[in-house]
Amino acid sequence: MLRRVIIYLALAVLAIGLVGAAGAQERQQTNPVPFAHTPCSVLDSGPCTPSYCSVFNHGPCLPEMDYPYGENLQLTILTVPPEGQAQKYHKPDHDLDTIGDLFAALRSCWAPPPPDDAREGMQMSVRFSFKRTGEMIGTPRLTFATRGVPADTRTTYLNAINASLGACLPLKFTGGLGGALAGRPIMIRYVDNRELARPVGNP
């Protein structure tokens, strides 16, 4: 009797082991459809698609990808273009169809204050959004200005920014770009990197 019990237990353990091995092999098979692979457990050896699933999510889930632009479209515009990047400061001669076209158009719009009213190294950031038609929604909102700068200097640069943007708007978007940009926040940081003459008597 004892011998039969032992045999039955051994067979049961063997059956459980075979079922578990088959299930593990099935779980590790990769779905040939792109981005549809089952996510890995920390105990699995793969293959799997890298993804950021919750520990409570049984999947499958899509991998997160890094795109060249963040949630807010951010652009830095220098008063003097860097060497070899002058082309990025020329407005495209066609309807704007990409983010690169948009950035080039915005760079080409910038007209800084005259040297007598300017401040070397001045930085100012504004935030705004476009309509689908290429017009601006409201007026640019000031988000940053160099510390320690007199109020009249800030006003001078903000006026220059508003005048520069107003002079080249509305922009001509293609239907696809206009739909993608409509209402999306755009942040522009203006940097006056000109070497300005200092007043006589200053070190």
C-alpha atoms as a PDB file:
ATOM      1  CA  MET A   1       0.000   0.000   0.000  1.00  0.00           C
ATOM      2  CA  LEU A   2       2.758   2.437   0.926  1.00  0.00           C
ATOM      3  CA  ARG A   3       4.576   1.547  -2.288  1.00  0.00           C
ATOM      4  CA  ARG A   4       1.521   2.501  -4.383  1.00  0.00           C
ATOM      5  CA  VAL A   5       1.170   5.845  -2.610  1.00  0.00           C
ATOM      6  CA  ILE A   6       4.821   6.667  -3.308  1.00  0.00           C
ATOM      7  CA  ILE A   7       4.431   5.718  -6.991  1.00  0.00           C
ATOM      8  CA  TYR A   8       1.307   7.878  -7.343  1.00  0.00           C
ATOM      9  CA  LEU A   9       3.038  10.844  -5.676  1.00  0.00           C
ATOM     10  CA  ALA A  10       6.062  10.473  -7.955  1.00  0.00           C
ATOM     11  CA  LEU A  11       3.833  10.374 -11.052  1.00  0.00           C
ATOM     12  CA  ALA A  12       1.902  13.437  -9.861  1.00  0.00           C
ATOM     13  CA  VAL A  13       5.111  15.437  -9.281  1.00  0.00           C
ATOM     14  CA  LEU A  14       6.422  14.411 -12.719  1.00  0.00           C
ATOM     15  CA  ALA A  15       3.161  15.461 -14.407  1.00  0.00           C
ATOM     16  CA  ILE A  16       3.168  18.853 -12.660  1.00  0.00           C
ATOM     17  CA  GLY A  17       6.771  19.424 -13.746  1.00  0.00           C
ATOM     18  CA  LEU A  18       6.015  18.608 -17.396  1.00  0.00           C
ATOM     19  CA  VAL A  19       2.984  20.927 -17.463  1.00  0.00           C
ATOM     20  CA  GLY A  20       4.986  23.768 -15.898  1.00  0.00           C
ATOM     21  CA  ALA A  21       7.841  23.360 -18.397  1.00  0.00           C
ATOM     22  CA  ALA A  22       5.403  23.397 -21.334  1.00  0.00           C
ATOM     23  CA  GLY A  23       3.708  26.525 -19.990  1.00  0.00           C
ATOM     24  CA  ALA A  24       7.032  28.321 -19.521  1.00  0.00           C
ATOM     25  CA  GLN A  25       8.084  27.459 -23.057  1.00  0.00           C
ATOM     26  CA  GLU A  26       4.767  28.747 -24.407  1.00  0.00           C
ATOM     27  CA  ARG A  27       5.131  32.009 -22.451  1.00  0.00           C
ATOM     28  CA  GLN A  28       8.611  32.618 -23.875  1.00  0.00           C
ATOM     29  CA  GLN A  29       7.519  32.275 -27.497  1.00  0.00           C
ATOM     30  CA  THR A  30       7.710  35.650 -29.229  1.00  0.00           C
ATOM     31  CA  ASN A  31       4.696  37.013 -31.036  1.00  0.00           C
ATOM     32  CA  PRO A  32       5.895  37.911 -34.551  1.00  0.00           C
ATOM     33  CA  VAL A  33       3.660  41.022 -34.658  1.00  0.00           C
ATOM     34  CA  PRO A  34       5.833  44.122 -33.929  1.00  0.00           C
ATOM     35  CA  PHE A  35       5.426  45.551 -30.411  1.00  0.00           C
ATOM     36  CA  ALA A  36       3.042  42.729 -29.458  1.00  0.00           C
ATOM     37  CA  HIS A  37       5.540  40.535 -27.582  1.00  0.00           C
ATOM     38  CA  THR A  38       4.537  39.599 -24.089  1.00  0.00           C
ATOM     39  CA  PRO A  39       6.421  41.585 -21.453  1.00  0.00           C
ATOM     40  CA  CYS A  40       9.104  39.832 -19.444  1.00  0.00           C
ATOM     41  CA  SER A  41       9.032  38.897 -15.826  1.00  0.00           C
ATOM     42  CA  VAL A  42      12.161  39.500 -13.785  1.00  0.00           C
ATOM     43  CA  LEU A  43      12.449  35.691 -13.676  1.00  0.00           C
ATOM     44  CA  ASP A  44      12.162  35.183 -17.442  1.00  0.00           C
ATOM     45  CA  SER A  45      15.147  34.836 -19.716  1.00  0.00           C
ATOM     46  CA  GLY A  46      13.384  36.394 -22.717  1.00  0.00           C
ATOM     47  CA  PRO A  47      13.026  37.096 -25.546  1.00  0.00           C
ATOM     48  CA  CYS A  48      10.714  40.000 -24.910  1.00  0.00           C
ATOM     49  CA  THR A  49      10.076  43.589 -25.891  1.00  0.00           C
ATOM     50  CA  PRO A  50      11.478  46.190 -23.473  1.00  0.00           C
ATOM     51  CA  SER A  51       8.514  47.969 -21.946  1.00  0.00           C
ATOM     52  CA  TYR A  52       7.381  49.913 -18.911  1.00  0.00           C
ATOM     53  CA  CYS A  53       4.372  47.981 -17.628  1.00  0.00           C
ATOM     54  CA  SER A  54       2.920  48.113 -14.187  1.00  0.00           C
ATOM     55  CA  VAL A  55       3.686  45.103 -12.005  1.00  0.00           C
ATOM     56  CA  PHE A  56      -0.093  44.592 -11.905  1.00  0.00           C
ATOM     57  CA  ASN A  57      -0.436  44.660 -15.704  1.00  0.00           C
ATOM     58  CA  HIS A  58      -0.461  41.235 -17.336  1.00  0.00           C
ATOM     59  CA  GLY A  59       0.285  42.752 -20.743  1.00  0.00           C
ATOM     60  CA  PRO A  60       0.975  42.812 -23.520  1.00  0.00           C
ATOM     61  CA  CYS A  61       1.981  46.453 -23.398  1.00  0.00           C
ATOM     62  CA  LEU A  62       3.661  48.813 -25.829  1.00  0.00           C
ATOM     63  CA  PRO A  63       7.270  49.911 -25.314  1.00  0.00           C
ATOM     64  CA  GLU A  64       7.884  53.567 -24.536  1.00  0.00           C
ATOM     65  CA  MET A  65       9.959  55.313 -27.158  1.00  0.00           C
ATOM     66  CA  ASP A  66      12.079  58.435 -26.870  1.00  0.00           C
ATOM     67  CA  TYR A  67      11.044  61.013 -29.439  1.00  0.00           C
ATOM     68  CA  PRO A  68      13.237  63.971 -30.479  1.00  0.00           C
ATOM     69  CA  TYR A  69      10.810  66.505 -28.979  1.00  0.00           C
ATOM     70  CA  GLY A  70       9.265  66.511 -25.550  1.00  0.00           C
ATOM     71  CA  GLU A  71       5.716  67.217 -24.448  1.00  0.00           C
ATOM     72  CA  ASN A  72       6.471  70.935 -24.723  1.00  0.00           C
ATOM     73  CA  LEU A  73       8.172  71.980 -27.940  1.00  0.00           C
ATOM     74  CA  GLN A  74      11.309  73.799 -26.757  1.00  0.00           C
ATOM     75  CA  LEU A  75      13.564  75.907 -28.927  1.00  0.00           C
ATOM     76  CA  THR A  76      16.617  78.071 -28.247  1.00  0.00           C
ATOM     77  CA  ILE A  77      17.215  80.995 -30.600  1.00  0.00           C
ATOM     78  CA  LEU A  78      20.630  82.666 -30.616  1.00  0.00           C
ATOM     79  CA  THR A  79      21.008  86.185 -31.935  1.00  0.00           C
ATOM     80  CA  VAL A  80      24.218  85.151 -33.713  1.00  0.00           C
ATOM     81  CA  PRO A  81      23.797  81.691 -35.290  1.00  0.00           C
ATOM     82  CA  PRO A  82      26.540  79.183 -34.443  1.00  0.00           C
ATOM     83  CA  GLU A  83      29.114  78.517 -37.130  1.00  0.00           C
ATOM     84  CA  GLY A  84      27.807  75.989 -39.609  1.00  0.00           C
ATOM     85  CA  GLN A  85      24.163  76.365 -38.517  1.00  0.00           C
ATOM     86  CA  ALA A  86      23.146  79.425 -40.507  1.00  0.00           C
ATOM     87  CA  GLN A  87      20.852  77.305 -42.676  1.00  0.00           C
ATOM     88  CA  LYS A  88      18.719  76.529 -39.617  1.00  0.00           C
ATOM     89  CA  TYR A  89      17.993  80.273 -39.342  1.00  0.00           C
ATOM     90  CA  HIS A  90      16.540  80.587 -42.856  1.00  0.00           C
ATOM     91  CA  LYS A  91      12.783  80.447 -43.304  1.00  0.00           C
ATOM     92  CA  PRO A  92      11.722  77.560 -45.575  1.00  0.00           C
ATOM     93  CA  ASP A  93      10.360  78.598 -48.989  1.00  0.00           C
ATOM     94  CA  HIS A  94       7.390  76.223 -48.708  1.00  0.00           C
ATOM     95  CA  ASP A  95       4.488  75.574 -46.359  1.00  0.00           C
ATOM     96  CA  LEU A  96       5.800  74.368 -43.006  1.00  0.00           C
ATOM     97  CA  ASP A  97       5.427  70.599 -42.858  1.00  0.00           C
ATOM     98  CA  THR A  98       7.721  69.476 -40.006  1.00  0.00           C
ATOM     99  CA  ILE A  99       8.852  70.628 -36.566  1.00  0.00           C
ATOM    100  CA  GLY A 100      12.224  71.423 -38.140  1.00  0.00           C
ATOM    101  CA  ASP A 101      10.490  73.742 -40.619  1.00  0.00           C
ATOM    102  CA  LEU A 102       8.641  75.430 -37.748  1.00  0.00           C
ATOM    103  CA  PHE A 103      11.831  75.970 -35.753  1.00  0.00           C
ATOM    104  CA  ALA A 104      13.662  77.376 -38.774  1.00  0.00           C
ATOM    105  CA  ALA A 105      10.815  79.808 -39.410  1.00  0.00           C
ATOM    106  CA  LEU A 106      10.762  80.961 -35.782  1.00  0.00           C
ATOM    107  CA  ARG A 107      14.541  81.435 -35.772  1.00  0.00           C
ATOM    108  CA  SER A 108      14.365  83.515 -38.938  1.00  0.00           C
ATOM    109  CA  CYS A 109      11.772  85.819 -37.337  1.00  0.00           C
ATOM    110  CA  TRP A 110      14.007  87.006 -34.508  1.00  0.00           C
ATOM    111  CA  ALA A 111      15.001  90.664 -34.685  1.00  0.00           C
ATOM    112  CA  PRO A 112      16.895  91.609 -31.473  1.00  0.00           C
ATOM    113  CA  PRO A 113      16.920  95.077 -29.922  1.00  0.00           C
ATOM    114  CA  PRO A 114      19.504  97.517 -31.322  1.00  0.00           C
ATOM    115  CA  PRO A 115      22.914  97.310 -29.615  1.00  0.00           C
ATOM    116  CA  ASP A 116      22.397 100.576 -27.702  1.00  0.00           C
ATOM    117  CA  ASP A 117      19.338  99.096 -25.952  1.00  0.00           C
ATOM    118  CA  ALA A 118      20.614  95.523 -25.679  1.00  0.00           C
ATOM    119  CA  ARG A 119      22.404  93.638 -22.939  1.00  0.00           C
ATOM    120  CA  GLU A 120      25.114  91.098 -23.683  1.00  0.00           C
ATOM    121  CA  GLY A 121      24.163  87.592 -22.560  1.00  0.00           C
ATOM    122  CA  MET A 122      20.517  88.497 -21.972  1.00  0.00           C
ATOM    123  CA  GLN A 123      18.158  85.523 -21.918  1.00  0.00           C
ATOM    124  CA  MET A 124      14.386  85.517 -22.023  1.00  0.00           C
ATOM    125  CA  SER A 125      11.872  82.700 -22.468  1.00  0.00           C
ATOM    126  CA  VAL A 126       8.269  82.907 -23.622  1.00  0.00           C
ATOM    127  CA  ARG A 127       5.521  80.340 -24.013  1.00  0.00           C
ATOM    128  CA  PHE A 128       2.599  80.338 -26.430  1.00  0.00           C
ATOM    129  CA  SER A 129       0.517  78.144 -28.730  1.00  0.00           C
ATOM    130  CA  PHE A 130      -0.591  78.207 -32.334  1.00  0.00           C
ATOM    131  CA  LYS A 131      -3.975  77.771 -33.925  1.00  0.00           C
ATOM    132  CA  ARG A 132      -4.389  75.288 -36.751  1.00  0.00           C
ATOM    133  CA  THR A 133      -4.325  78.268 -39.131  1.00  0.00           C
ATOM    134  CA  GLY A 134      -0.828  79.371 -38.037  1.00  0.00           C
ATOM    135  CA  GLU A 135      -2.052  82.270 -35.903  1.00  0.00           C
ATOM    136  CA  MET A 136      -1.002  82.644 -32.284  1.00  0.00           C
ATOM    137  CA  ILE A 137      -3.410  81.934 -29.448  1.00  0.00           C
ATOM    138  CA  GLY A 138      -3.267  85.027 -27.237  1.00  0.00           C
ATOM    139  CA  THR A 139       0.058  86.721 -26.552  1.00  0.00           C
ATOM    140  CA  PRO A 140       3.367  85.109 -25.547  1.00  0.00           C
ATOM    141  CA  ARG A 141       3.664  84.554 -21.804  1.00  0.00           C
ATOM    142  CA  LEU A 142       6.978  85.497 -20.197  1.00  0.00           C
ATOM    143  CA  THR A 143       8.375  82.515 -18.249  1.00  0.00           C
ATOM    144  CA  PHE A 144      11.998  83.511 -17.610  1.00  0.00           C
ATOM    145  CA  ALA A 145      14.324  86.510 -17.759  1.00  0.00           C
ATOM    146  CA  THR A 146      17.945  86.902 -16.701  1.00  0.00           C
ATOM    147  CA  ARG A 147      18.218  87.844 -13.028  1.00  0.00           C
ATOM    148  CA  GLY A 148      19.361  91.289 -12.011  1.00  0.00           C
ATOM    149  CA  VAL A 149      18.272  92.911 -15.280  1.00  0.00           C
ATOM    150  CA  PRO A 150      16.498  96.283 -15.007  1.00  0.00           C
ATOM    151  CA  ALA A 151      12.787  96.319 -15.755  1.00  0.00           C
ATOM    152  CA  ASP A 152      13.240  98.550 -18.812  1.00  0.00           C
ATOM    153  CA  THR A 153      15.677  96.022 -20.328  1.00  0.00           C
ATOM    154  CA  ARG A 154      13.178  93.202 -19.812  1.00  0.00           C
ATOM    155  CA  THR A 155      10.498  95.328 -21.418  1.00  0.00           C
ATOM    156  CA  THR A 156      12.779  96.096 -24.364  1.00  0.00           C
ATOM    157  CA  TYR A 157      13.431  92.420 -25.042  1.00  0.00           C
ATOM    158  CA  LEU A 158       9.819  91.369 -24.536  1.00  0.00           C
ATOM    159  CA  ASN A 159       8.712  94.070 -26.974  1.00  0.00           C
ATOM    160  CA  ALA A 160      11.311  92.840 -29.479  1.00  0.00           C
ATOM    161  CA  ILE A 161      10.047  89.257 -29.111  1.00  0.00           C
ATOM    162  CA  ASN A 162       6.414  90.281 -29.601  1.00  0.00           C
ATOM    163  CA  ALA A 163       7.288  92.442 -32.603  1.00  0.00           C
ATOM    164  CA  SER A 164       9.416  89.713 -34.180  1.00  0.00           C
ATOM    165  CA  LEU A 165       6.713  87.075 -33.852  1.00  0.00           C
ATOM    166  CA  GLY A 166       3.976  89.453 -34.955  1.00  0.00           C
ATOM    167  CA  ALA A 167       5.912  90.419 -38.094  1.00  0.00           C
ATOM    168  CA  CYS A 168       6.030  86.879 -39.484  1.00  0.00           C
ATOM    169  CA  LEU A 169       2.650  85.509 -38.363  1.00  0.00           C
ATOM    170  CA  PRO A 170       0.504  83.808 -39.380  1.00  0.00           C
ATOM    171  CA  LEU A 171       2.789  80.980 -40.428  1.00  0.00           C
ATOM    172  CA  LYS A 172       1.690  78.742 -43.278  1.00  0.00           C
ATOM    173  CA  PHE A 173       1.280  75.191 -41.972  1.00  0.00           C
ATOM    174  CA  THR A 174       0.373  72.133 -43.970  1.00  0.00           C
ATOM    175  CA  GLY A 175      -2.837  70.484 -42.802  1.00  0.00           C
ATOM    176  CA  GLY A 176      -0.942  67.746 -40.976  1.00  0.00           C
ATOM    177  CA  LEU A 177       1.401  70.044 -39.071  1.00  0.00           C
ATOM    178  CA  GLY A 178      -1.374  72.515 -38.252  1.00  0.00           C
ATOM    179  CA  GLY A 179      -3.474  69.760 -36.745  1.00  0.00           C
ATOM    180  CA  ALA A 180      -0.552  68.394 -34.746  1.00  0.00           C
ATOM    181  CA  LEU A 181       0.486  71.804 -33.361  1.00  0.00           C
ATOM    182  CA  ALA A 182      -2.909  73.300 -32.597  1.00  0.00           C
ATOM    183  CA  GLY A 183      -2.991  74.251 -28.908  1.00  0.00           C
ATOM    184  CA  ARG A 184       0.324  72.574 -28.124  1.00  0.00           C
ATOM    185  CA  PRO A 185       2.623  74.647 -25.858  1.00  0.00           C
ATOM    186  CA  ILE A 186       5.769  76.007 -27.501  1.00  0.00           C
ATOM    187  CA  MET A 187       8.625  77.378 -25.396  1.00  0.00           C
ATOM    188  CA  ILE A 188      11.249  79.628 -26.962  1.00  0.00           C
ATOM    189  CA  ARG A 189      14.405  80.753 -25.164  1.00  0.00           C
ATOM    190  CA  TYR A 190      16.052  83.790 -26.738  1.00  0.00           C
ATOM    191  CA  VAL A 191      19.748  84.295 -26.044  1.00  0.00           C
ATOM    192  CA  ASP A 192      21.519  87.491 -27.046  1.00  0.00           C
ATOM    193  CA  ASN A 193      25.034  86.171 -27.640  1.00  0.00           C
ATOM    194  CA  ARG A 194      26.309  89.261 -29.426  1.00  0.00           C
ATOM    195  CA  GLU A 195      29.544  90.829 -28.252  1.00  0.00           C
ATOM    196  CA  LEU A 196      28.274  94.300 -27.446  1.00  0.00           C
ATOM    197  CA  ALA A 197      30.521  97.327 -26.938  1.00  0.00           C
ATOM    198  CA  ARG A 198      30.664  98.348 -23.280  1.00  0.00           C
ATOM    199  CA  PRO A 199      30.137 101.972 -22.243  1.00  0.00           C
ATOM    200  CA  VAL A 200      33.287 104.059 -21.859  1.00  0.00           C
ATOM    201  CA  GLY A 201      34.642 103.930 -18.320  1.00  0.00           C
ATOM    202  CA  ASN A 202      33.388 100.431 -17.532  1.00  0.00           C
ATOM    203  CA  PRO A 203      36.040  97.761 -16.997  1.00  0.00           C
END
